[in-house]
Amino acid sequence: MSMHSTYDFLRHLADSWGLLLMLAIFVGLCAWPFRPGAKERNRQAAEAIFKDENDGE
């Protein structure tokens, strides 16, 4: 296999399957905060900016 055909093969692989893999990762990361088990952690993260260092003292 020559260098040119190796490059063409890898370029085709990246253009097709690489794009699909990146799309799947993107969709997964966008959906991650909306999973049912994340509700409490999302609420804590949303309220963290309002918490004072001296709360409870």
Protein backbone atom coordinates (compact mmCIF):
# COMPACT_ATOMS: atom_id res chain seq x y z
CA MET A 1 0.00 0.00 0.00
CA SER A 2 1.51 3.31 -1.01
CA MET A 3 1.58 6.41 1.19
CA HIS A 4 -1.01 8.15 -0.98
CA SER A 5 -3.56 5.36 -0.67
CA THR A 6 -3.00 5.17 3.11
CA TYR A 7 -3.71 8.88 3.37
CA ASP A 8 -6.83 8.55 1.23
CA PHE A 9 -8.09 5.66 3.36
CA LEU A 10 -7.53 7.53 6.63
CA ARG A 11 -9.08 10.69 5.21
CA HIS A 12 -12.19 8.78 4.10
CA LEU A 13 -12.40 7.07 7.50
CA ALA A 14 -12.18 10.40 9.33
CA ASP A 15 -14.71 12.04 7.03
CA SER A 16 -17.31 9.32 7.49
CA TRP A 17 -16.97 7.33 10.72
CA GLY A 18 -15.06 10.04 12.55
CA LEU A 19 -17.87 12.49 11.90
CA LEU A 20 -20.47 10.02 13.13
CA LEU A 21 -18.43 9.31 16.27
CA MET A 22 -18.05 13.02 17.06
CA LEU A 23 -21.79 13.53 16.50
CA ALA A 24 -22.63 10.66 18.86
CA ILE A 25 -20.31 12.07 21.54
CA PHE A 26 -21.82 15.54 21.12
CA VAL A 27 -25.39 14.26 21.45
CA GLY A 28 -24.42 12.16 24.47
CA LEU A 29 -22.79 15.12 26.22
CA CYS A 30 -25.77 17.35 25.49
CA ALA A 31 -28.20 14.76 26.87
CA TRP A 32 -26.08 13.91 29.96
CA PRO A 33 -27.51 16.64 32.28
CA PHE A 34 -31.08 15.64 31.41
CA ARG A 35 -30.82 12.04 32.63
CA PRO A 36 -33.18 11.20 35.51
CA GLY A 37 -30.47 10.64 38.13
CA ALA A 38 -28.88 14.07 37.65
CA LYS A 39 -31.74 16.18 39.00
CA GLU A 40 -30.31 16.68 42.49
CA ARG A 41 -26.77 17.44 41.27
CA ASN A 42 -28.13 19.93 38.74
CA ARG A 43 -30.12 21.67 41.47
CA GLN A 44 -27.06 21.87 43.74
CA ALA A 45 -24.94 23.28 40.92
CA ALA A 46 -27.58 25.88 40.08
CA GLU A 47 -27.81 27.03 43.70
CA ALA A 48 -24.06 26.95 44.41
CA ILE A 49 -23.53 30.55 43.28
CA PHE A 50 -25.95 31.76 45.96
CA LYS A 51 -24.28 29.88 48.81
CA ASP A 52 -22.22 31.97 51.19
CA GLU A 53 -18.98 30.72 52.74
CA ASN A 54 -20.34 31.54 56.20
CA ASP A 55 -23.70 29.75 55.85
CA GLY A 56 -24.67 28.10 59.11
CA GLU A 57 -22.45 30.24 61.34
